[in-house]
PDB file of N, CA and C in Angstrom:
ATOM      1  N   MET A   1       6.335  28.279 -35.506  1.00  0.00           N
ATOM      2  CA  MET A   1       5.604  26.955 -35.239  1.00  0.00           C
ATOM      3  C   MET A   1       5.150  27.151 -33.669  1.00  0.00           C
ATOM      4  N   ILE A   2       3.864  26.873 -34.041  1.00  0.00           N
ATOM      5  CA  ILE A   2       3.536  26.587 -32.486  1.00  0.00           C
ATOM      6  C   ILE A   2       3.236  25.649 -31.913  1.00  0.00           C
ATOM      7  N   HIS A   3       3.406  25.304 -30.552  1.00  0.00           N
ATOM      8  CA  HIS A   3       3.444  24.064 -30.077  1.00  0.00           C
ATOM      9  C   HIS A   3       2.361  23.758 -28.934  1.00  0.00           C
ATOM     10  N   VAL A   4       1.170  23.273 -29.278  1.00  0.00           N
ATOM     11  CA  VAL A   4       0.087  23.302 -28.719  1.00  0.00           C
ATOM     12  C   VAL A   4      -0.186  21.892 -27.568  1.00  0.00           C
ATOM     13  N   VAL A   5       0.242  21.653 -26.327  1.00  0.00           N
ATOM     14  CA  VAL A   5      -0.020  20.802 -25.452  1.00  0.00           C
ATOM     15  C   VAL A   5      -1.557  20.659 -24.661  1.00  0.00           C
ATOM     16  N   GLY A   6      -2.387  20.062 -24.937  1.00  0.00           N
ATOM     17  CA  GLY A   6      -3.760  19.843 -23.899  1.00  0.00           C
ATOM     18  C   GLY A   6      -3.986  18.320 -23.425  1.00  0.00           C
ATOM     19  N   TRP A   7      -4.318  18.858 -22.295  1.00  0.00           N
ATOM     20  CA  TRP A   7      -5.015  17.551 -21.377  1.00  0.00           C
ATOM     21  C   TRP A   7      -6.449  17.459 -21.111  1.00  0.00           C
ATOM     22  N   TYR A   8      -7.055  16.069 -21.404  1.00  0.00           N
ATOM     23  CA  TYR A   8      -8.442  16.288 -21.312  1.00  0.00           C
ATOM     24  C   TYR A   8      -8.574  15.040 -20.417  1.00  0.00           C
ATOM     25  N   ASP A   9      -9.438  15.655 -18.993  1.00  0.00           N
ATOM     26  CA  ASP A   9      -9.566  14.971 -18.128  1.00  0.00           C
ATOM     27  C   ASP A   9     -11.143  14.433 -18.346  1.00  0.00           C
ATOM     28  N   ASN A  10     -11.319  13.428 -18.071  1.00  0.00           N
ATOM     29  CA  ASN A  10     -12.736  12.715 -18.823  1.00  0.00           C
ATOM     30  C   ASN A  10     -13.358  12.013 -17.056  1.00  0.00           C
ATOM     31  N   LYS A  11     -13.683  13.073 -16.209  1.00  0.00           N
ATOM     32  CA  LYS A  11     -14.142  12.686 -14.533  1.00  0.00           C
ATOM     33  C   LYS A  11     -15.796  12.358 -14.794  1.00  0.00           C
ATOM     34  N   TRP A  12     -16.309  13.495 -16.177  1.00  0.00           N
ATOM     35  CA  TRP A  12     -17.620  12.725 -15.982  1.00  0.00           C
ATOM     36  C   TRP A  12     -17.877  11.389 -16.799  1.00  0.00           C
ATOM     37  N   GLY A  13     -17.103  10.828 -17.841  1.00  0.00           N
ATOM     38  CA  GLY A  13     -17.438   9.622 -18.378  1.00  0.00           C
ATOM     39  C   GLY A  13     -17.181   8.456 -17.073  1.00  0.00           C
ATOM     40  N   TYR A  14     -15.572   8.712 -16.511  1.00  0.00           N
ATOM     41  CA  TYR A  14     -15.855   7.820 -15.575  1.00  0.00           C
ATOM     42  C   TYR A  14     -16.762   7.672 -14.706  1.00  0.00           C
ATOM     43  N   ALA A  15     -17.166   8.518 -13.914  1.00  0.00           N
ATOM     44  CA  ALA A  15     -18.243   8.805 -13.314  1.00  0.00           C
ATOM     45  C   ALA A  15     -19.867   8.096 -13.406  1.00  0.00           C
ATOM     46  N   CYS A  16     -19.428   8.286 -14.717  1.00  0.00           N
ATOM     47  CA  CYS A  16     -21.405   7.483 -15.757  1.00  0.00           C
ATOM     48  C   CYS A  16     -20.690   5.669 -15.574  1.00  0.00           C
ATOM     49  N   ARG A  17     -19.452   5.354 -16.096  1.00  0.00           N
ATOM     50  CA  ARG A  17     -19.104   3.867 -16.120  1.00  0.00           C
ATOM     51  C   ARG A  17     -19.021   3.540 -14.940  1.00  0.00           C
ATOM     52  N   VAL A  18     -18.895   4.299 -13.708  1.00  0.00           N
ATOM     53  CA  VAL A  18     -18.800   3.692 -11.998  1.00  0.00           C
ATOM     54  C   VAL A  18     -20.133   3.502 -11.805  1.00  0.00           C
ATOM     55  N   ALA A  19     -20.756   4.561 -12.449  1.00  0.00           N
ATOM     56  CA  ALA A  19     -22.163   4.545 -12.055  1.00  0.00           C
ATOM     57  C   ALA A  19     -23.146   3.516 -12.642  1.00  0.00           C
ATOM     58  N   ASP A  20     -23.402   3.213 -13.656  1.00  0.00           N
ATOM     59  CA  ASP A  20     -23.610   1.634 -15.030  1.00  0.00           C
ATOM     60  C   ASP A  20     -23.098   0.293 -13.950  1.00  0.00           C
ATOM     61  N   LEU A  21     -21.723   0.469 -13.654  1.00  0.00           N
ATOM     62  CA  LEU A  21     -21.208  -0.883 -12.501  1.00  0.00           C
ATOM     63  C   LEU A  21     -22.170  -0.944 -11.626  1.00  0.00           C
ATOM     64  N   ALA A  22     -21.977   0.380 -10.619  1.00  0.00           N
ATOM     65  CA  ALA A  22     -22.961  -0.311  -9.729  1.00  0.00           C
ATOM     66  C   ALA A  22     -24.501  -0.487  -9.931  1.00  0.00           C
ATOM     67  N   SER A  23     -24.883  -0.260 -10.596  1.00  0.00           N
ATOM     68  CA  SER A  23     -26.579  -0.305 -11.022  1.00  0.00           C
ATOM     69  C   SER A  23     -26.790  -1.550 -11.830  1.00  0.00           C
ATOM     70  N   PHE A  24     -25.616  -1.892 -12.327  1.00  0.00           N
ATOM     71  CA  PHE A  24     -25.868  -3.561 -12.786  1.00  0.00           C
ATOM     72  C   PHE A  24     -25.376  -4.584 -11.648  1.00  0.00           C
ATOM     73  N   ILE A  25     -24.693  -4.295 -10.676  1.00  0.00           N
ATOM     74  CA  ILE A  25     -24.495  -4.883  -9.766  1.00  0.00           C
ATOM     75  C   ILE A  25     -25.865  -5.166  -8.765  1.00  0.00           C
ATOM     76  N   SER A  26     -26.444  -3.970  -8.522  1.00  0.00           N
ATOM     77  CA  SER A  26     -27.603  -3.522  -8.162  1.00  0.00           C
ATOM     78  C   SER A  26     -28.766  -4.658  -8.768  1.00  0.00           C
ATOM     79  N   GLU A  27     -28.495  -4.395  -9.529  1.00  0.00           N
ATOM     80  CA  GLU A  27     -29.454  -5.245 -10.326  1.00  0.00           C
ATOM     81  C   GLU A  27     -29.107  -7.220 -10.189  1.00  0.00           C
ATOM     82  N   CYS A  28     -28.275  -7.222 -10.478  1.00  0.00           N
ATOM     83  CA  CYS A  28     -27.690  -9.060 -10.666  1.00  0.00           C
ATOM     84  C   CYS A  28     -28.237  -8.964  -9.137  1.00  0.00           C
ATOM     85  N   GLU A  29     -28.095  -8.450  -7.896  1.00  0.00           N
ATOM     86  CA  GLU A  29     -27.857  -9.067  -6.484  1.00  0.00           C
ATOM     87  C   GLU A  29     -29.476  -8.935  -6.282  1.00  0.00           C
ATOM     88  N   ARG A  30     -30.236  -8.255  -7.065  1.00  0.00           N
ATOM     89  CA  ARG A  30     -31.781  -8.164  -6.833  1.00  0.00           C
ATOM     90  C   ARG A  30     -32.542  -9.046  -7.448  1.00  0.00           C
ATOM     91  N   LYS A  31     -32.323  -9.448  -8.357  1.00  0.00           N
ATOM     92  CA  LYS A  31     -32.393 -11.022  -9.130  1.00  0.00           C
ATOM     93  C   LYS A  31     -31.817 -12.142  -8.417  1.00  0.00           C
ATOM     94  N   GLY A  32     -31.118 -11.661  -8.082  1.00  0.00           N
ATOM     95  CA  GLY A  32     -30.161 -13.125  -7.210  1.00  0.00           C
ATOM     96  C   GLY A  32     -29.423 -13.645  -8.040  1.00  0.00           C
ATOM     97  N   HIS A  33     -28.587 -13.071  -8.940  1.00  0.00           N
ATOM     98  CA  HIS A  33     -27.346 -13.708  -9.786  1.00  0.00           C
ATOM     99  C   HIS A  33     -26.537 -13.365  -8.896  1.00  0.00           C
ATOM    100  N   ARG A  34     -25.742 -14.475  -9.186  1.00  0.00           N
ATOM    101  CA  ARG A  34     -24.017 -14.541  -8.161  1.00  0.00           C
ATOM    102  C   ARG A  34     -23.083 -13.791  -9.415  1.00  0.00           C
ATOM    103  N   LEU A  35     -22.417 -12.958  -8.782  1.00  0.00           N
ATOM    104  CA  LEU A  35     -21.421 -13.018 -10.386  1.00  0.00           C
ATOM    105  C   LEU A  35     -20.055 -14.145  -9.731  1.00  0.00           C
ATOM    106  N   GLY A  36     -20.161 -14.539 -11.043  1.00  0.00           N
ATOM    107  CA  GLY A  36     -19.138 -15.657 -11.473  1.00  0.00           C
ATOM    108  C   GLY A  36     -17.433 -15.285 -11.613  1.00  0.00           C
ATOM    109  N   ARG A  37     -17.522 -14.359 -11.981  1.00  0.00           N
ATOM    110  CA  ARG A  37     -16.179 -13.612 -11.787  1.00  0.00           C
ATOM    111  C   ARG A  37     -15.643 -12.891 -11.022  1.00  0.00           C
ATOM    112  N   VAL A  38     -15.615 -13.591  -9.978  1.00  0.00           N
ATOM    113  CA  VAL A  38     -14.222 -12.733  -8.685  1.00  0.00           C
ATOM    114  C   VAL A  38     -13.664 -13.194  -8.569  1.00  0.00           C
ATOM    115  N   ARG A  39     -12.497 -12.159  -8.128  1.00  0.00           N
ATOM    116  CA  ARG A  39     -11.062 -12.466  -8.012  1.00  0.00           C
ATOM    117  C   ARG A  39     -10.783 -11.695  -6.666  1.00  0.00           C
ATOM    118  N   VAL A  40      -9.858 -12.788  -5.931  1.00  0.00           N
ATOM    119  CA  VAL A  40      -9.482 -11.835  -4.692  1.00  0.00           C
ATOM    120  C   VAL A  40      -8.067 -11.338  -4.586  1.00  0.00           C
ATOM    121  N   VAL A  41      -7.676  -9.991  -4.690  1.00  0.00           N
ATOM    122  CA  VAL A  41      -6.077 -10.041  -4.704  1.00  0.00           C
ATOM    123  C   VAL A  41      -5.277  -9.292  -3.704  1.00  0.00           C
ATOM    124  N   GLU A  42      -4.693 -10.222  -3.120  1.00  0.00           N
ATOM    125  CA  GLU A  42      -3.798  -9.297  -2.105  1.00  0.00           C
ATOM    126  C   GLU A  42      -2.979  -7.885  -1.715  1.00  0.00           C
ATOM    127  N   ARG A  43      -2.685  -7.431  -0.576  1.00  0.00           N
ATOM    128  CA  ARG A  43      -2.255  -6.068  -1.225  1.00  0.00           C
ATOM    129  C   ARG A  43      -0.886  -6.002  -1.728  1.00  0.00           C
ATOM    130  N   GLU A  44      -0.431  -7.185  -1.433  1.00  0.00           N
ATOM    131  CA  GLU A  44       0.994  -7.400  -1.459  1.00  0.00           C
ATOM    132  C   GLU A  44       1.240  -7.542  -3.300  1.00  0.00           C
ATOM    133  N   HIS A  45       0.306  -8.160  -3.786  1.00  0.00           N
ATOM    134  CA  HIS A  45       0.481  -7.824  -5.189  1.00  0.00           C
ATOM    135  C   HIS A  45       0.272  -6.649  -5.693  1.00  0.00           C
ATOM    136  N   ILE A  46      -1.204  -5.910  -5.116  1.00  0.00           N
ATOM    137  CA  ILE A  46      -1.107  -4.816  -5.556  1.00  0.00           C
ATOM    138  C   ILE A  46       0.347  -3.720  -5.580  1.00  0.00           C
ATOM    139  N   GLU A  47       0.408  -3.893  -4.090  1.00  0.00           N
ATOM    140  CA  GLU A  47       1.795  -3.037  -4.269  1.00  0.00           C
ATOM    141  C   GLU A  47       3.062  -3.263  -5.137  1.00  0.00           C
ATOM    142  N   ARG A  48       3.014  -4.638  -5.089  1.00  0.00           N
ATOM    143  CA  ARG A  48       4.496  -4.936  -6.817  1.00  0.00           C
ATOM    144  C   ARG A  48       3.908  -4.580  -7.784  1.00  0.00           C
ATOM    145  N   ALA A  49       2.843  -4.943  -8.352  1.00  0.00           N
ATOM    146  CA  ALA A  49       2.375  -4.004  -9.654  1.00  0.00           C
ATOM    147  C   ALA A  49       2.346  -2.543  -9.531  1.00  0.00           C
ATOM    148  N   LEU A  50       2.033  -1.927  -8.478  1.00  0.00           N
ATOM    149  CA  LEU A  50       2.208  -0.217  -8.640  1.00  0.00           C
ATOM    150  C   LEU A  50       3.710  -0.662  -8.729  1.00  0.00           C
ATOM    151  N   ARG A  51       4.631  -0.845  -7.870  1.00  0.00           N
ATOM    152  CA  ARG A  51       6.068  -0.663  -8.119  1.00  0.00           C
ATOM    153  C   ARG A  51       6.748  -0.692  -9.214  1.00  0.00           C
ATOM    154  N   THR A  52       6.277  -1.753  -9.932  1.00  0.00           N
ATOM    155  CA  THR A  52       6.851  -2.219 -11.130  1.00  0.00           C
ATOM    156  C   THR A  52       6.130  -1.459 -12.551  1.00  0.00           C
ATOM    157  N   ALA A  53       5.083  -0.678 -12.000  1.00  0.00           N
ATOM    158  CA  ALA A  53       4.129  -0.301 -13.526  1.00  0.00           C
ATOM    159  C   ALA A  53       5.314   0.794 -13.845  1.00  0.00           C
ATOM    160  N   SER A  54       5.500   1.018 -15.207  1.00  0.00           N
ATOM    161  CA  SER A  54       5.654   2.046 -15.821  1.00  0.00           C
ATOM    162  C   SER A  54       5.679   3.452 -15.393  1.00  0.00           C
ATOM    163  N   PHE A  55       4.485   3.981 -14.932  1.00  0.00           N
ATOM    164  CA  PHE A  55       3.806   4.804 -14.598  1.00  0.00           C
ATOM    165  C   PHE A  55       3.997   5.002 -13.110  1.00  0.00           C
ATOM    166  N   ALA A  56       4.634   4.313 -12.378  1.00  0.00           N
ATOM    167  CA  ALA A  56       4.618   4.481 -11.049  1.00  0.00           C
ATOM    168  C   ALA A  56       5.544   5.636 -10.572  1.00  0.00           C
ATOM    169  N   PRO A  57       5.000   6.218  -9.992  1.00  0.00           N
ATOM    170  CA  PRO A  57       6.297   7.689  -9.452  1.00  0.00           C
ATOM    171  C   PRO A  57       7.049   7.147  -8.397  1.00  0.00           C
ATOM    172  N   GLU A  58       8.723   7.696  -8.344  1.00  0.00           N
ATOM    173  CA  GLU A  58       9.198   7.114  -7.249  1.00  0.00           C
ATOM    174  C   GLU A  58       9.148   7.903  -5.879  1.00  0.00           C
ATOM    175  N   GLY A  59       9.351   6.742  -5.090  1.00  0.00           N
ATOM    176  CA  GLY A  59       8.899   6.890  -3.776  1.00  0.00           C
ATOM    177  C   GLY A  59       7.121   7.146  -3.428  1.00  0.00           C
ATOM    178  N   LEU A  60       6.179   5.966  -4.304  1.00  0.00           N
ATOM    179  CA  LEU A  60       4.969   5.617  -3.619  1.00  0.00           C
ATOM    180  C   LEU A  60       4.173   5.265  -3.176  1.00  0.00           C
ATOM    181  N   PRO A  61       3.707   5.847  -1.794  1.00  0.00           N
ATOM    182  CA  PRO A  61       3.494   5.617  -0.615  1.00  0.00           C
ATOM    183  C   PRO A  61       2.467   4.747  -0.228  1.00  0.00           C
ATOM    184  N   LEU A  62       2.931   3.454  -0.497  1.00  0.00           N
ATOM    185  CA  LEU A  62       2.556   2.349  -0.058  1.00  0.00           C
ATOM    186  C   LEU A  62       2.632   1.366   1.044  1.00  0.00           C
TER     187      LEU A  62
END
């Protein structure tokens, strides 16, 4: 029996989505549209979410 483990890191796909988002925001600003769904998140809320997330490694430097 052969056990194969693989990892696919899709940095190119992520980079394309970030570029699409930047283009979308730029076009909205150029046309004078305001992005209505903006939420400010406090650092402490992010830190708490990272500490309680199941994927967070022990001793995460925050």
